[in-house]
Amino acid sequence: MSEHPNPQPAPAGDDSYRPPRWRTEPRFPDGPSPDPAGSHHERRIRSFQPRRSRVTTGQEDALRRLWSTWGLDIDGHEVLDLDKLFGGRPVVLEIGFGMGEATAQMAAEDQDTGILAADVHTPGQGNLLALAEKAGIDNVRVANGDAIILLREMLPPASLAGLRVYFPDPWPKKRHHKRRLIQPEFLTLAATRLAPGALLHCATDWEPYAEQMLEVLSAHPDFENTRPDGGYAPRPAFRPLTRFEGQGLDKGHLVHDLLFLRTQN
């Protein structure tokens, strides 16, 4: 997801074109940028859905006070020093954290692991910062922008101890399946940033997407299923049952967890 619609291209031959104001004027001058990648913008299929939501007073306060310490923009300009960011902890990347409740809980319960949490949803960014501050934890960093650029341009090879993708947009319509994040090309990129033995953990309550995830992960040479039977895994204790997930379970949805290891090759 993204806060705004994809920008329109400049009219042909019109040198006076200027991008929309939301791309150039931050809502929070000292907070997350509205367009962090800037010139790194690419015309490629996006796996996230544009949307804007209201930022509460508490979320705005957290963004203004805490972003300079715990936040970073995915601008594609430099490779991150994860040891410096997380004090030498092993680092797990979480792509898409919603409002951050589960992320904050996992961080509080495992403070020896750093969580680099990437999303584009400003209210969720502010909420996660506020939750981290309330819990008194310092092992979370909030990354604003496109996770593909983060993986490709800002993370060193074999630098991640894990990757979490919980309840990504299922893009249920067949014509939109190409927008789903868990695709062979994404897995190939992610594998270059995961250390051997690192855990890739996906979860979804959309059964057709779970089937696709299992198919592409099982076929990928850089990943190995932790389940001897080659199927889905029970929800591990470290992944909290979220409010969103609970609502889905109440409606009869089945939630599937997939736990795959980065192979040693």
C-alpha atoms as a PDB file:
ATOM      1  CA  MET A   1       0.000   0.000   0.000  1.00  0.00           C
ATOM      2  CA  SER A   2       0.946   3.606  -0.452  1.00  0.00           C
ATOM      3  CA  GLU A   3      -0.481   6.829   0.809  1.00  0.00           C
ATOM      4  CA  HIS A   4      -1.147   8.307  -2.588  1.00  0.00           C
ATOM      5  CA  PRO A   5      -2.047   7.249  -6.118  1.00  0.00           C
ATOM      6  CA  ASN A   6       0.803   6.548  -8.470  1.00  0.00           C
ATOM      7  CA  PRO A   7       1.984   9.859  -9.928  1.00  0.00           C
ATOM      8  CA  GLN A   8       1.009  10.743 -13.468  1.00  0.00           C
ATOM      9  CA  PRO A   9       3.810  11.013 -16.014  1.00  0.00           C
ATOM     10  CA  ALA A  10       4.838  14.411 -17.275  1.00  0.00           C
ATOM     11  CA  PRO A  11       3.009  15.435 -20.438  1.00  0.00           C
ATOM     12  CA  ALA A  12       5.179  14.841 -23.488  1.00  0.00           C
ATOM     13  CA  GLY A  13       7.318  17.852 -24.287  1.00  0.00           C
ATOM     14  CA  ASP A  14       6.064  19.855 -21.293  1.00  0.00           C
ATOM     15  CA  ASP A  15       9.082  21.080 -19.340  1.00  0.00           C
ATOM     16  CA  SER A  16       6.829  23.038 -16.989  1.00  0.00           C
ATOM     17  CA  TYR A  17       5.407  19.902 -15.402  1.00  0.00           C
ATOM     18  CA  ARG A  18       5.684  19.753 -11.623  1.00  0.00           C
ATOM     19  CA  PRO A  19       4.826  16.760  -9.447  1.00  0.00           C
ATOM     20  CA  PRO A  20       1.747  16.957  -7.214  1.00  0.00           C
ATOM     21  CA  ARG A  21       2.252  18.821  -3.943  1.00  0.00           C
ATOM     22  CA  TRP A  22       1.850  15.650  -1.870  1.00  0.00           C
ATOM     23  CA  ARG A  23       5.016  14.286  -3.495  1.00  0.00           C
ATOM     24  CA  THR A  24       7.145  17.283  -2.585  1.00  0.00           C
ATOM     25  CA  GLU A  25       5.700  18.750   0.613  1.00  0.00           C
ATOM     26  CA  PRO A  26       5.885  16.471   3.676  1.00  0.00           C
ATOM     27  CA  ARG A  27       2.942  16.444   6.049  1.00  0.00           C
ATOM     28  CA  PHE A  28       5.512  16.187   8.844  1.00  0.00           C
ATOM     29  CA  PRO A  29       8.628  18.255   8.007  1.00  0.00           C
ATOM     30  CA  ASP A  30      10.791  16.244  10.423  1.00  0.00           C
ATOM     31  CA  GLY A  31       9.021  12.956   9.761  1.00  0.00           C
ATOM     32  CA  PRO A  32       8.555  10.431   6.943  1.00  0.00           C
ATOM     33  CA  SER A  33       8.911  11.788   3.428  1.00  0.00           C
ATOM     34  CA  PRO A  34       5.875  11.602   1.108  1.00  0.00           C
ATOM     35  CA  ASP A  35       8.110  10.355  -1.731  1.00  0.00           C
ATOM     36  CA  PRO A  36      11.339   9.028  -0.217  1.00  0.00           C
ATOM     37  CA  ALA A  37      12.744   7.324  -3.319  1.00  0.00           C
ATOM     38  CA  GLY A  38      12.331  10.424  -5.472  1.00  0.00           C
ATOM     39  CA  SER A  39      14.330   9.865  -8.644  1.00  0.00           C
ATOM     40  CA  HIS A  40      14.408   6.127  -7.891  1.00  0.00           C
ATOM     41  CA  HIS A  41      10.736   5.923  -8.803  1.00  0.00           C
ATOM     42  CA  GLU A  42      10.245   3.131 -11.326  1.00  0.00           C
ATOM     43  CA  ARG A  43       7.489   2.245 -13.701  1.00  0.00           C
ATOM     44  CA  ARG A  44       6.934  -1.279 -12.442  1.00  0.00           C
ATOM     45  CA  ILE A  45       4.025  -3.237 -11.068  1.00  0.00           C
ATOM     46  CA  ARG A  46       3.487  -2.338  -7.417  1.00  0.00           C
ATOM     47  CA  SER A  47       2.522  -4.843  -4.757  1.00  0.00           C
ATOM     48  CA  PHE A  48       1.105  -2.190  -2.434  1.00  0.00           C
ATOM     49  CA  GLN A  49      -2.200  -0.364  -2.657  1.00  0.00           C
ATOM     50  CA  PRO A  50      -2.394   3.444  -2.580  1.00  0.00           C
ATOM     51  CA  ARG A  51      -4.438   4.779   0.341  1.00  0.00           C
ATOM     52  CA  ARG A  52      -4.529   7.673   2.765  1.00  0.00           C
ATOM     53  CA  SER A  53      -5.951   7.585   6.279  1.00  0.00           C
ATOM     54  CA  ARG A  54      -6.333  10.126   9.020  1.00  0.00           C
ATOM     55  CA  VAL A  55      -3.393  10.511  11.393  1.00  0.00           C
ATOM     56  CA  THR A  56      -4.505  10.846  15.014  1.00  0.00           C
ATOM     57  CA  THR A  57      -3.072  13.404  17.397  1.00  0.00           C
ATOM     58  CA  GLY A  58      -1.093  10.716  19.224  1.00  0.00           C
ATOM     59  CA  GLN A  59       0.328   9.294  16.014  1.00  0.00           C
ATOM     60  CA  GLU A  60       1.290  12.754  14.792  1.00  0.00           C
ATOM     61  CA  ASP A  61       2.999  13.502  18.096  1.00  0.00           C
ATOM     62  CA  ALA A  62       5.000  10.268  17.882  1.00  0.00           C
ATOM     63  CA  LEU A  63       6.051  10.993  14.302  1.00  0.00           C
ATOM     64  CA  ARG A  64       7.223  14.494  15.168  1.00  0.00           C
ATOM     65  CA  ARG A  65       9.152  13.469  18.292  1.00  0.00           C
ATOM     66  CA  LEU A  66      10.510  10.033  17.423  1.00  0.00           C
ATOM     67  CA  TRP A  67      11.026   9.853  13.674  1.00  0.00           C
ATOM     68  CA  SER A  68      14.506  11.392  13.724  1.00  0.00           C
ATOM     69  CA  THR A  69      15.615   8.697  16.204  1.00  0.00           C
ATOM     70  CA  TRP A  70      13.719   5.577  15.148  1.00  0.00           C
ATOM     71  CA  GLY A  71      12.575   6.283  11.595  1.00  0.00           C
ATOM     72  CA  LEU A  72      14.244   6.259   8.205  1.00  0.00           C
ATOM     73  CA  ASP A  73      13.202   6.933   4.635  1.00  0.00           C
ATOM     74  CA  ILE A  74      13.743   4.328   1.942  1.00  0.00           C
ATOM     75  CA  ASP A  75      15.419   6.689  -0.498  1.00  0.00           C
ATOM     76  CA  GLY A  76      17.809   4.251  -2.148  1.00  0.00           C
ATOM     77  CA  HIS A  77      20.780   6.560  -1.611  1.00  0.00           C
ATOM     78  CA  GLU A  78      22.940   4.552   0.770  1.00  0.00           C
ATOM     79  CA  VAL A  79      23.452   1.088   2.201  1.00  0.00           C
ATOM     80  CA  LEU A  80      22.276   0.894   5.801  1.00  0.00           C
ATOM     81  CA  ASP A  81      24.689   0.050   8.601  1.00  0.00           C
ATOM     82  CA  LEU A  82      22.484  -2.452  10.426  1.00  0.00           C
ATOM     83  CA  ASP A  83      25.031  -3.021  13.186  1.00  0.00           C
ATOM     84  CA  LYS A  84      24.948   0.691  13.976  1.00  0.00           C
ATOM     85  CA  LEU A  85      21.167   0.915  13.743  1.00  0.00           C
ATOM     86  CA  PHE A  86      20.533  -2.068  16.014  1.00  0.00           C
ATOM     87  CA  GLY A  87      23.590  -2.234  18.224  1.00  0.00           C
ATOM     88  CA  GLY A  88      24.912  -5.449  16.718  1.00  0.00           C
ATOM     89  CA  ARG A  89      21.662  -7.406  17.099  1.00  0.00           C
ATOM     90  CA  PRO A  90      20.590  -9.839  14.370  1.00  0.00           C
ATOM     91  CA  VAL A  91      18.003  -8.075  12.228  1.00  0.00           C
ATOM     92  CA  VAL A  92      14.657  -9.272  10.870  1.00  0.00           C
ATOM     93  CA  LEU A  93      12.902  -7.306   8.134  1.00  0.00           C
ATOM     94  CA  GLU A  94       9.121  -7.080   8.378  1.00  0.00           C
ATOM     95  CA  ILE A  95       7.328  -5.913   5.240  1.00  0.00           C
ATOM     96  CA  GLY A  96       3.923  -4.382   5.918  1.00  0.00           C
ATOM     97  CA  PHE A  97       3.099  -4.058   9.609  1.00  0.00           C
ATOM     98  CA  GLY A  98      -0.336  -2.435   9.544  1.00  0.00           C
ATOM     99  CA  MET A  99      -0.858  -0.515  12.771  1.00  0.00           C
ATOM    100  CA  GLY A 100       2.165  -2.121  14.389  1.00  0.00           C
ATOM    101  CA  GLU A 101       0.582  -3.910  17.352  1.00  0.00           C
ATOM    102  CA  ALA A 102       2.023  -7.335  16.491  1.00  0.00           C
ATOM    103  CA  THR A 103       5.399  -5.831  15.595  1.00  0.00           C
ATOM    104  CA  ALA A 104       5.661  -4.018  18.914  1.00  0.00           C
ATOM    105  CA  GLN A 105       4.673  -7.158  20.818  1.00  0.00           C
ATOM    106  CA  MET A 106       7.247  -9.307  19.007  1.00  0.00           C
ATOM    107  CA  ALA A 107       9.932  -6.693  19.600  1.00  0.00           C
ATOM    108  CA  ALA A 108       9.105  -6.492  23.313  1.00  0.00           C
ATOM    109  CA  GLU A 109       9.194 -10.280  23.697  1.00  0.00           C
ATOM    110  CA  ASP A 110      12.531 -10.659  21.855  1.00  0.00           C
ATOM    111  CA  GLN A 111      14.657  -7.607  22.579  1.00  0.00           C
ATOM    112  CA  ASP A 112      17.822  -9.395  21.446  1.00  0.00           C
ATOM    113  CA  THR A 113      16.543  -9.176  17.853  1.00  0.00           C
ATOM    114  CA  GLY A 114      16.243  -5.977  15.851  1.00  0.00           C
ATOM    115  CA  ILE A 115      13.125  -5.462  13.748  1.00  0.00           C
ATOM    116  CA  LEU A 116      13.340  -3.282  10.654  1.00  0.00           C
ATOM    117  CA  ALA A 117       9.657  -2.651   9.967  1.00  0.00           C
ATOM    118  CA  ALA A 118       8.826  -1.299   6.491  1.00  0.00           C
ATOM    119  CA  ASP A 119       5.512   0.223   5.444  1.00  0.00           C
ATOM    120  CA  VAL A 120       4.092   3.269   3.670  1.00  0.00           C
ATOM    121  CA  HIS A 121       1.054   3.869   5.876  1.00  0.00           C
ATOM    122  CA  THR A 122       1.676   7.000   7.937  1.00  0.00           C
ATOM    123  CA  PRO A 123      -0.872   6.295  10.706  1.00  0.00           C
ATOM    124  CA  GLY A 124       0.668   2.853  11.218  1.00  0.00           C
ATOM    125  CA  GLN A 125       4.167   4.322  11.315  1.00  0.00           C
ATOM    126  CA  GLY A 126       3.128   6.779  14.013  1.00  0.00           C
ATOM    127  CA  ASN A 127       1.270   4.111  15.945  1.00  0.00           C
ATOM    128  CA  LEU A 128       4.231   1.726  15.948  1.00  0.00           C
ATOM    129  CA  LEU A 129       6.563   4.478  17.156  1.00  0.00           C
ATOM    130  CA  ALA A 130       4.150   5.307  19.976  1.00  0.00           C
ATOM    131  CA  LEU A 131       3.807   1.642  20.960  1.00  0.00           C
ATOM    132  CA  ALA A 132       7.574   1.149  20.987  1.00  0.00           C
ATOM    133  CA  GLU A 133       8.045   4.189  23.192  1.00  0.00           C
ATOM    134  CA  LYS A 134       5.300   3.062  25.574  1.00  0.00           C
ATOM    135  CA  ALA A 135       6.886  -0.389  25.861  1.00  0.00           C
ATOM    136  CA  GLY A 136      10.312   1.114  26.501  1.00  0.00           C
ATOM    137  CA  ILE A 137      11.977  -0.882  23.715  1.00  0.00           C
ATOM    138  CA  ASP A 138      14.732   0.246  21.381  1.00  0.00           C
ATOM    139  CA  ASN A 139      14.993  -2.676  18.957  1.00  0.00           C
ATOM    140  CA  VAL A 140      12.526  -1.367  16.346  1.00  0.00           C
ATOM    141  CA  ARG A 141      13.248   0.936  13.417  1.00  0.00           C
ATOM    142  CA  VAL A 142      10.462   2.125  11.121  1.00  0.00           C
ATOM    143  CA  ALA A 143      11.304   2.321   7.409  1.00  0.00           C
ATOM    144  CA  ASN A 144       9.105   4.443   5.154  1.00  0.00           C
ATOM    145  CA  GLY A 145       8.766   3.489   1.501  1.00  0.00           C
ATOM    146  CA  ASP A 146       9.066   0.711  -1.046  1.00  0.00           C
ATOM    147  CA  ALA A 147      10.482  -2.500   0.418  1.00  0.00           C
ATOM    148  CA  ILE A 148      11.826  -3.545  -2.990  1.00  0.00           C
ATOM    149  CA  ILE A 149      14.134  -0.517  -3.057  1.00  0.00           C
ATOM    150  CA  LEU A 150      15.100  -1.233   0.551  1.00  0.00           C
ATOM    151  CA  LEU A 151      16.079  -4.806  -0.278  1.00  0.00           C
ATOM    152  CA  ARG A 152      17.769  -4.071  -3.568  1.00  0.00           C
ATOM    153  CA  GLU A 153      19.670  -0.878  -2.800  1.00  0.00           C
ATOM    154  CA  MET A 154      19.900  -0.338   0.948  1.00  0.00           C
ATOM    155  CA  LEU A 155      20.652  -3.689   2.569  1.00  0.00           C
ATOM    156  CA  PRO A 156      24.006  -5.520   2.380  1.00  0.00           C
ATOM    157  CA  PRO A 157      24.105  -9.080   1.038  1.00  0.00           C
ATOM    158  CA  ALA A 158      23.325 -11.810   3.588  1.00  0.00           C
ATOM    159  CA  SER A 159      22.617  -9.166   6.255  1.00  0.00           C
ATOM    160  CA  LEU A 160      19.183 -10.325   7.449  1.00  0.00           C
ATOM    161  CA  ALA A 161      18.450 -13.011  10.019  1.00  0.00           C
ATOM    162  CA  GLY A 162      14.853 -13.232   8.892  1.00  0.00           C
ATOM    163  CA  LEU A 163      12.050 -11.830   6.749  1.00  0.00           C
ATOM    164  CA  ARG A 164       8.397 -11.550   7.792  1.00  0.00           C
ATOM    165  CA  VAL A 165       5.488 -10.920   5.440  1.00  0.00           C
ATOM    166  CA  TYR A 166       2.245 -11.099   7.382  1.00  0.00           C
ATOM    167  CA  PHE A 167      -1.136 -10.723   5.671  1.00  0.00           C
ATOM    168  CA  PRO A 168       0.019  -8.951   2.510  1.00  0.00           C
ATOM    169  CA  ASP A 169      -2.585  -7.621   0.113  1.00  0.00           C
ATOM    170  CA  PRO A 170      -4.022 -10.766  -1.549  1.00  0.00           C
ATOM    171  CA  TRP A 171      -5.057  -8.972  -4.750  1.00  0.00           C
ATOM    172  CA  PRO A 172      -7.958 -11.425  -5.139  1.00  0.00           C
ATOM    173  CA  LYS A 173      -8.933 -10.567  -8.718  1.00  0.00           C
ATOM    174  CA  LYS A 174      -7.168 -12.786 -11.247  1.00  0.00           C
ATOM    175  CA  ARG A 175      -6.006  -9.849 -13.357  1.00  0.00           C
ATOM    176  CA  HIS A 176      -4.252  -8.445 -10.264  1.00  0.00           C
ATOM    177  CA  HIS A 177      -2.390 -11.615  -9.237  1.00  0.00           C
ATOM    178  CA  LYS A 178       0.784 -10.208 -10.844  1.00  0.00           C
ATOM    179  CA  ARG A 179       0.757  -7.569  -8.089  1.00  0.00           C
ATOM    180  CA  ARG A 180       1.132 -10.108  -5.290  1.00  0.00           C
ATOM    181  CA  LEU A 181       4.393  -9.667  -3.430  1.00  0.00           C
ATOM    182  CA  ILE A 182       5.366 -13.320  -3.071  1.00  0.00           C
ATOM    183  CA  GLN A 183       6.576 -14.072  -6.578  1.00  0.00           C
ATOM    184  CA  PRO A 184       9.717 -15.854  -7.845  1.00  0.00           C
ATOM    185  CA  GLU A 185      11.448 -12.563  -8.678  1.00  0.00           C
ATOM    186  CA  PHE A 186      10.853 -11.184  -5.190  1.00  0.00           C
ATOM    187  CA  LEU A 187      12.135 -14.386  -3.595  1.00  0.00           C
ATOM    188  CA  THR A 188      15.310 -14.257  -5.676  1.00  0.00           C
ATOM    189  CA  LEU A 189      15.975 -10.699  -4.501  1.00  0.00           C
ATOM    190  CA  ALA A 190      15.135 -11.505  -0.873  1.00  0.00           C
ATOM    191  CA  ALA A 191      17.444 -14.528  -0.927  1.00  0.00           C
ATOM    192  CA  THR A 192      20.426 -12.300  -1.689  1.00  0.00           C
ATOM    193  CA  ARG A 193      19.819 -10.322   1.508  1.00  0.00           C
ATOM    194  CA  LEU A 194      19.051 -13.249   3.794  1.00  0.00           C
ATOM    195  CA  ALA A 195      21.897 -15.017   5.573  1.00  0.00           C
ATOM    196  CA  PRO A 196      22.102 -18.803   5.131  1.00  0.00           C
ATOM    197  CA  GLY A 197      19.674 -20.391   7.565  1.00  0.00           C
ATOM    198  CA  ALA A 198      17.568 -17.218   7.877  1.00  0.00           C
ATOM    199  CA  LEU A 199      13.832 -17.748   8.315  1.00  0.00           C
ATOM    200  CA  LEU A 200      11.290 -16.461   5.801  1.00  0.00           C
ATOM    201  CA  HIS A 201       7.880 -16.404   7.485  1.00  0.00           C
ATOM    202  CA  CYS A 202       4.701 -15.620   5.557  1.00  0.00           C
ATOM    203  CA  ALA A 203       1.127 -15.670   6.789  1.00  0.00           C
ATOM    204  CA  THR A 204      -2.149 -15.099   4.979  1.00  0.00           C
ATOM    205  CA  ASP A 205      -5.852 -15.710   5.511  1.00  0.00           C
ATOM    206  CA  TRP A 206      -6.534 -15.804   1.766  1.00  0.00           C
ATOM    207  CA  GLU A 207      -6.432 -19.466   0.773  1.00  0.00           C
ATOM    208  CA  PRO A 208      -5.663 -19.011  -2.961  1.00  0.00           C
ATOM    209  CA  TYR A 209      -2.740 -16.748  -2.048  1.00  0.00           C
ATOM    210  CA  ALA A 210      -1.513 -19.281   0.509  1.00  0.00           C
ATOM    211  CA  GLU A 211      -1.532 -21.910  -2.226  1.00  0.00           C
ATOM    212  CA  GLN A 212       0.477 -19.627  -4.514  1.00  0.00           C
ATOM    213  CA  MET A 213       2.953 -18.837  -1.723  1.00  0.00           C
ATOM    214  CA  LEU A 214       3.482 -22.530  -1.021  1.00  0.00           C
ATOM    215  CA  GLU A 215       3.922 -23.299  -4.707  1.00  0.00           C
ATOM    216  CA  VAL A 216       6.481 -20.590  -5.499  1.00  0.00           C
ATOM    217  CA  LEU A 217       8.424 -21.048  -2.255  1.00  0.00           C
ATOM    218  CA  SER A 218       8.603 -24.820  -2.672  1.00  0.00           C
ATOM    219  CA  ALA A 219       9.863 -24.407  -6.234  1.00  0.00           C
ATOM    220  CA  HIS A 220      12.526 -21.830  -5.403  1.00  0.00           C
ATOM    221  CA  PRO A 221      16.051 -23.271  -5.073  1.00  0.00           C
ATOM    222  CA  ASP A 222      17.093 -20.774  -2.376  1.00  0.00           C
ATOM    223  CA  PHE A 223      14.414 -21.802   0.139  1.00  0.00           C
ATOM    224  CA  GLU A 224      13.553 -24.985   1.995  1.00  0.00           C
ATOM    225  CA  ASN A 225      10.316 -25.748   3.814  1.00  0.00           C
ATOM    226  CA  THR A 226      10.712 -26.327   7.557  1.00  0.00           C
ATOM    227  CA  ARG A 227       7.820 -28.786   7.388  1.00  0.00           C
ATOM    228  CA  PRO A 228       8.912 -32.346   6.532  1.00  0.00           C
ATOM    229  CA  ASP A 229       5.556 -32.915   4.841  1.00  0.00           C
ATOM    230  CA  GLY A 230       6.122 -29.883   2.578  1.00  0.00           C
ATOM    231  CA  GLY A 231       2.962 -28.134   3.751  1.00  0.00           C
ATOM    232  CA  TYR A 232       1.861 -25.273   5.964  1.00  0.00           C
ATOM    233  CA  ALA A 233       3.159 -24.754   9.492  1.00  0.00           C
ATOM    234  CA  PRO A 234       1.239 -24.128  12.709  1.00  0.00           C
ATOM    235  CA  ARG A 235       1.315 -20.512  13.860  1.00  0.00           C
ATOM    236  CA  PRO A 236       4.576 -20.198  15.817  1.00  0.00           C
ATOM    237  CA  ALA A 237       4.372 -18.839  19.348  1.00  0.00           C
ATOM    238  CA  PHE A 238       6.404 -15.765  18.438  1.00  0.00           C
ATOM    239  CA  ARG A 239       3.765 -14.512  15.964  1.00  0.00           C
ATOM    240  CA  PRO A 240       0.976 -12.885  17.978  1.00  0.00           C
ATOM    241  CA  LEU A 241      -2.663 -13.398  17.142  1.00  0.00           C
ATOM    242  CA  THR A 242      -3.608  -9.956  15.839  1.00  0.00           C
ATOM    243  CA  ARG A 243      -6.972  -8.251  16.087  1.00  0.00           C
ATOM    244  CA  PHE A 244      -7.289  -8.404  12.291  1.00  0.00           C
ATOM    245  CA  GLU A 245      -6.529 -12.118  12.325  1.00  0.00           C
ATOM    246  CA  GLY A 246      -8.989 -12.737  15.141  1.00  0.00           C
ATOM    247  CA  GLN A 247     -11.732 -11.021  13.177  1.00  0.00           C
ATOM    248  CA  GLY A 248     -10.967 -13.229  10.199  1.00  0.00           C
ATOM    249  CA  LEU A 249     -11.027 -16.374  12.314  1.00  0.00           C
ATOM    250  CA  ASP A 250     -14.401 -15.322  13.729  1.00  0.00           C
ATOM    251  CA  LYS A 251     -15.660 -15.170  10.136  1.00  0.00           C
ATOM    252  CA  GLY A 252     -14.391 -18.675   9.442  1.00  0.00           C
ATOM    253  CA  HIS A 253     -11.224 -17.710   7.585  1.00  0.00           C
ATOM    254  CA  LEU A 254      -8.328 -20.150   7.625  1.00  0.00           C
ATOM    255  CA  VAL A 255      -4.923 -18.647   8.387  1.00  0.00           C
ATOM    256  CA  HIS A 256      -1.883 -20.336   6.864  1.00  0.00           C
ATOM    257  CA  ASP A 257       1.693 -19.854   8.067  1.00  0.00           C
ATOM    258  CA  LEU A 258       4.624 -20.732   5.829  1.00  0.00           C
ATOM    259  CA  LEU A 259       8.098 -21.086   7.358  1.00  0.00           C
ATOM    260  CA  PHE A 260      10.979 -21.546   4.927  1.00  0.00           C
ATOM    261  CA  LEU A 261      14.730 -21.415   5.543  1.00  0.00           C
ATOM    262  CA  ARG A 262      17.256 -19.732   3.291  1.00  0.00           C
ATOM    263  CA  THR A 263      19.343 -22.605   1.996  1.00  0.00           C
ATOM    264  CA  GLN A 264      23.092 -22.811   2.526  1.00  0.00           C
ATOM    265  CA  ASN A 265      24.007 -22.559  -1.178  1.00  0.00           C
END
